[in-house]
Amino acid sequence: MITLSRKIHFSSGHKYHNPNWSDQKNKDTFGSSYSEHGHGHNYTLEAEVTGPIDAETGMVMNLADLDAILTEVTDLLDHKFLNTDVEHFKSNMPTTENIVKFCYDHIINHLKNSPELKLHKVRLYESTDLWADYYG
């Protein structure tokens, strides 16, 4: 088996805020990540797809197809304020962990008709020193 990896970038804003909590509890829980107005990041999304090398193409997966999937997923998030612009995050805190799972779920949905391929891992970098991995 071979693992094909690809990166894509997008930018989004979000706010760590639980509406059921007081401002003080939000500040205490989320610390410097809490801001009344939110904040933004330039994210990097990585996807790793594992499968056999196709004898006719020499590829695990056509890179153009993988790029199209990743672009479709990141277009849902790019230049959006996640808490209000993306339906999923209206009821799910847009943490790095929840965003990477959201991306994984969308990518895996595109691969369901290719049983020879396995989405091994999706990694989301919020910054150079903070990321989350999701293995499904």
C-alpha atoms as a PDB file:
ATOM      1  CA  MET A   1       0.000   0.000   0.000  1.00  0.00           C
ATOM      2  CA  ILE A   2       1.079   3.528  -0.749  1.00  0.00           C
ATOM      3  CA  THR A   3      -0.030   6.703   0.989  1.00  0.00           C
ATOM      4  CA  LEU A   4      -0.632   9.783  -1.152  1.00  0.00           C
ATOM      5  CA  SER A   5      -0.587  13.073   0.782  1.00  0.00           C
ATOM      6  CA  ARG A   6      -1.790  16.490  -0.299  1.00  0.00           C
ATOM      7  CA  LYS A   7      -1.991  19.926   1.360  1.00  0.00           C
ATOM      8  CA  ILE A   8      -4.348  22.826   0.764  1.00  0.00           C
ATOM      9  CA  HIS A   9      -4.711  26.185   2.506  1.00  0.00           C
ATOM     10  CA  PHE A  10      -7.716  28.225   3.579  1.00  0.00           C
ATOM     11  CA  SER A  11      -8.481  31.149   5.883  1.00  0.00           C
ATOM     12  CA  SER A  12     -11.342  31.358   8.370  1.00  0.00           C
ATOM     13  CA  GLY A  13     -12.424  33.213  11.450  1.00  0.00           C
ATOM     14  CA  HIS A  14     -14.069  31.723  14.505  1.00  0.00           C
ATOM     15  CA  LYS A  15     -15.032  32.443  18.057  1.00  0.00           C
ATOM     16  CA  TYR A  16     -14.654  30.225  21.091  1.00  0.00           C
ATOM     17  CA  HIS A  17     -17.815  30.950  23.012  1.00  0.00           C
ATOM     18  CA  ASN A  18     -20.392  28.803  24.739  1.00  0.00           C
ATOM     19  CA  PRO A  19     -23.648  30.798  24.838  1.00  0.00           C
ATOM     20  CA  ASN A  20     -24.805  28.840  27.901  1.00  0.00           C
ATOM     21  CA  TRP A  21     -21.902  30.191  29.953  1.00  0.00           C
ATOM     22  CA  SER A  22     -21.168  33.590  31.436  1.00  0.00           C
ATOM     23  CA  ASP A  23     -18.516  35.775  29.814  1.00  0.00           C
ATOM     24  CA  GLN A  24     -16.262  35.032  32.765  1.00  0.00           C
ATOM     25  CA  LYS A  25     -16.598  31.271  32.382  1.00  0.00           C
ATOM     26  CA  ASN A  26     -15.868  31.599  28.641  1.00  0.00           C
ATOM     27  CA  LYS A  27     -12.779  33.683  29.417  1.00  0.00           C
ATOM     28  CA  ASP A  28     -11.635  31.243  32.106  1.00  0.00           C
ATOM     29  CA  THR A  29     -12.174  28.206  29.874  1.00  0.00           C
ATOM     30  CA  PHE A  30     -10.834  29.489  26.551  1.00  0.00           C
ATOM     31  CA  GLY A  31      -8.178  31.861  27.873  1.00  0.00           C
ATOM     32  CA  SER A  32      -6.367  33.828  25.192  1.00  0.00           C
ATOM     33  CA  SER A  33      -8.450  32.101  22.497  1.00  0.00           C
ATOM     34  CA  TYR A  34     -11.550  33.846  23.817  1.00  0.00           C
ATOM     35  CA  SER A  35     -12.392  37.145  22.195  1.00  0.00           C
ATOM     36  CA  GLU A  36     -15.707  38.908  22.066  1.00  0.00           C
ATOM     37  CA  HIS A  37     -15.225  39.424  18.322  1.00  0.00           C
ATOM     38  CA  GLY A  38     -13.425  36.170  17.437  1.00  0.00           C
ATOM     39  CA  HIS A  39     -10.157  35.737  15.596  1.00  0.00           C
ATOM     40  CA  GLY A  40      -8.866  34.126  12.419  1.00  0.00           C
ATOM     41  CA  HIS A  41      -6.275  31.707  11.105  1.00  0.00           C
ATOM     42  CA  ASN A  42      -4.578  30.690   7.899  1.00  0.00           C
ATOM     43  CA  TYR A  43      -5.155  26.947   8.084  1.00  0.00           C
ATOM     44  CA  THR A  44      -3.345  24.127   6.312  1.00  0.00           C
ATOM     45  CA  LEU A  45      -5.325  20.962   5.643  1.00  0.00           C
ATOM     46  CA  GLU A  46      -3.516  17.710   4.819  1.00  0.00           C
ATOM     47  CA  ALA A  47      -5.191  14.537   3.613  1.00  0.00           C
ATOM     48  CA  GLU A  48      -3.537  11.119   3.356  1.00  0.00           C
ATOM     49  CA  VAL A  49      -5.156   8.543   1.073  1.00  0.00           C
ATOM     50  CA  THR A  50      -3.872   4.965   1.120  1.00  0.00           C
ATOM     51  CA  GLY A  51      -4.379   2.392  -1.587  1.00  0.00           C
ATOM     52  CA  PRO A  52      -2.728   0.179  -4.179  1.00  0.00           C
ATOM     53  CA  ILE A  53      -0.924   1.605  -7.187  1.00  0.00           C
ATOM     54  CA  ASP A  54      -3.162   1.287 -10.211  1.00  0.00           C
ATOM     55  CA  ALA A  55      -1.352  -0.793 -12.839  1.00  0.00           C
ATOM     56  CA  GLU A  56      -2.648   1.329 -15.719  1.00  0.00           C
ATOM     57  CA  THR A  57      -2.080   4.823 -14.292  1.00  0.00           C
ATOM     58  CA  GLY A  58       0.773   4.262 -11.841  1.00  0.00           C
ATOM     59  CA  MET A  59      -1.184   6.288  -9.280  1.00  0.00           C
ATOM     60  CA  VAL A  60      -2.978   5.536  -6.023  1.00  0.00           C
ATOM     61  CA  MET A  61      -5.477   8.247  -6.936  1.00  0.00           C
ATOM     62  CA  ASN A  62      -5.593  10.869  -9.633  1.00  0.00           C
ATOM     63  CA  LEU A  63      -4.166  13.985  -7.989  1.00  0.00           C
ATOM     64  CA  ALA A  64      -6.620  16.197  -9.881  1.00  0.00           C
ATOM     65  CA  ASP A  65      -9.487  14.255  -8.268  1.00  0.00           C
ATOM     66  CA  LEU A  66      -7.979  14.626  -4.801  1.00  0.00           C
ATOM     67  CA  ASP A  67      -7.392  18.337  -5.409  1.00  0.00           C
ATOM     68  CA  ALA A  68     -11.023  18.772  -6.475  1.00  0.00           C
ATOM     69  CA  ILE A  69     -12.252  17.059  -3.297  1.00  0.00           C
ATOM     70  CA  LEU A  70     -10.006  19.152  -1.038  1.00  0.00           C
ATOM     71  CA  THR A  71     -10.992  22.344  -2.848  1.00  0.00           C
ATOM     72  CA  GLU A  72     -14.676  21.526  -2.472  1.00  0.00           C
ATOM     73  CA  VAL A  73     -14.219  20.948   1.264  1.00  0.00           C
ATOM     74  CA  THR A  74     -12.146  24.058   1.899  1.00  0.00           C
ATOM     75  CA  ASP A  75     -14.475  26.218  -0.209  1.00  0.00           C
ATOM     76  CA  LEU A  76     -17.086  25.534   2.482  1.00  0.00           C
ATOM     77  CA  LEU A  77     -14.750  27.149   5.052  1.00  0.00           C
ATOM     78  CA  ASP A  78     -12.556  29.617   3.189  1.00  0.00           C
ATOM     79  CA  HIS A  79     -13.061  33.277   4.081  1.00  0.00           C
ATOM     80  CA  LYS A  80     -15.971  32.417   6.357  1.00  0.00           C
ATOM     81  CA  PHE A  81     -16.736  33.211   9.966  1.00  0.00           C
ATOM     82  CA  LEU A  82     -17.342  29.615  10.938  1.00  0.00           C
ATOM     83  CA  ASN A  83     -19.716  30.195  13.876  1.00  0.00           C
ATOM     84  CA  THR A  84     -22.293  31.936  11.701  1.00  0.00           C
ATOM     85  CA  ASP A  85     -21.484  31.176   8.050  1.00  0.00           C
ATOM     86  CA  VAL A  86     -21.211  27.375   8.209  1.00  0.00           C
ATOM     87  CA  GLU A  87     -24.360  25.566   9.335  1.00  0.00           C
ATOM     88  CA  HIS A  88     -22.442  22.762  11.079  1.00  0.00           C
ATOM     89  CA  PHE A  89     -20.616  25.196  13.337  1.00  0.00           C
ATOM     90  CA  LYS A  90     -23.748  27.000  14.447  1.00  0.00           C
ATOM     91  CA  SER A  91     -24.208  24.068  16.845  1.00  0.00           C
ATOM     92  CA  ASN A  92     -20.618  22.753  17.102  1.00  0.00           C
ATOM     93  CA  MET A  93     -17.776  24.824  18.538  1.00  0.00           C
ATOM     94  CA  PRO A  94     -15.320  25.476  15.664  1.00  0.00           C
ATOM     95  CA  THR A  95     -12.265  24.165  17.482  1.00  0.00           C
ATOM     96  CA  THR A  96      -9.364  22.695  15.551  1.00  0.00           C
ATOM     97  CA  GLU A  97     -10.605  19.249  16.604  1.00  0.00           C
ATOM     98  CA  ASN A  98     -14.134  19.828  15.318  1.00  0.00           C
ATOM     99  CA  ILE A  99     -12.948  21.444  12.087  1.00  0.00           C
ATOM    100  CA  VAL A 100     -10.622  18.526  11.236  1.00  0.00           C
ATOM    101  CA  LYS A 101     -13.453  16.043  11.870  1.00  0.00           C
ATOM    102  CA  PHE A 102     -15.771  18.128   9.658  1.00  0.00           C
ATOM    103  CA  CYS A 103     -13.162  18.008   6.874  1.00  0.00           C
ATOM    104  CA  TYR A 104     -12.584  14.265   7.318  1.00  0.00           C
ATOM    105  CA  ASP A 105     -16.309  13.535   7.132  1.00  0.00           C
ATOM    106  CA  HIS A 106     -16.633  15.504   3.883  1.00  0.00           C
ATOM    107  CA  ILE A 107     -13.556  13.943   2.284  1.00  0.00           C
ATOM    108  CA  ILE A 108     -14.522  10.367   3.232  1.00  0.00           C
ATOM    109  CA  ASN A 109     -17.957  10.934   1.721  1.00  0.00           C
ATOM    110  CA  HIS A 110     -16.283  11.565  -1.656  1.00  0.00           C
ATOM    111  CA  LEU A 111     -14.239   8.369  -1.412  1.00  0.00           C
ATOM    112  CA  LYS A 112     -17.086   5.992  -0.524  1.00  0.00           C
ATOM    113  CA  ASN A 113     -17.403   4.809  -4.140  1.00  0.00           C
ATOM    114  CA  SER A 114     -13.709   3.875  -4.265  1.00  0.00           C
ATOM    115  CA  PRO A 115     -13.440   0.878  -1.921  1.00  0.00           C
ATOM    116  CA  GLU A 116      -9.758   0.359  -2.774  1.00  0.00           C
ATOM    117  CA  LEU A 117      -8.939   3.747  -1.223  1.00  0.00           C
ATOM    118  CA  LYS A 118      -8.747   4.454   2.490  1.00  0.00           C
ATOM    119  CA  LEU A 119      -8.648   7.927   3.992  1.00  0.00           C
ATOM    120  CA  HIS A 120      -5.805   7.251   6.397  1.00  0.00           C
ATOM    121  CA  LYS A 121      -5.602  10.624   8.118  1.00  0.00           C
ATOM    122  CA  VAL A 122      -6.639  14.243   7.897  1.00  0.00           C
ATOM    123  CA  ARG A 123      -4.471  16.818   9.656  1.00  0.00           C
ATOM    124  CA  LEU A 124      -5.437  20.443  10.221  1.00  0.00           C
ATOM    125  CA  TYR A 125      -2.802  23.008  11.172  1.00  0.00           C
ATOM    126  CA  GLU A 126      -4.193  26.054  12.925  1.00  0.00           C
ATOM    127  CA  SER A 127      -0.638  27.379  13.244  1.00  0.00           C
ATOM    128  CA  THR A 128       2.889  25.993  12.989  1.00  0.00           C
ATOM    129  CA  ASP A 129       2.727  24.724  16.563  1.00  0.00           C
ATOM    130  CA  LEU A 130      -0.929  23.626  16.824  1.00  0.00           C
ATOM    131  CA  TRP A 131      -2.675  20.919  14.808  1.00  0.00           C
ATOM    132  CA  ALA A 132      -5.145  18.092  15.153  1.00  0.00           C
ATOM    133  CA  ASP A 133      -5.206  14.707  13.410  1.00  0.00           C
ATOM    134  CA  TYR A 134      -8.306  12.655  12.687  1.00  0.00           C
ATOM    135  CA  TYR A 135      -8.092   9.000  11.681  1.00  0.00           C
ATOM    136  CA  GLY A 136     -11.799   8.235  11.489  1.00  0.00           C
END
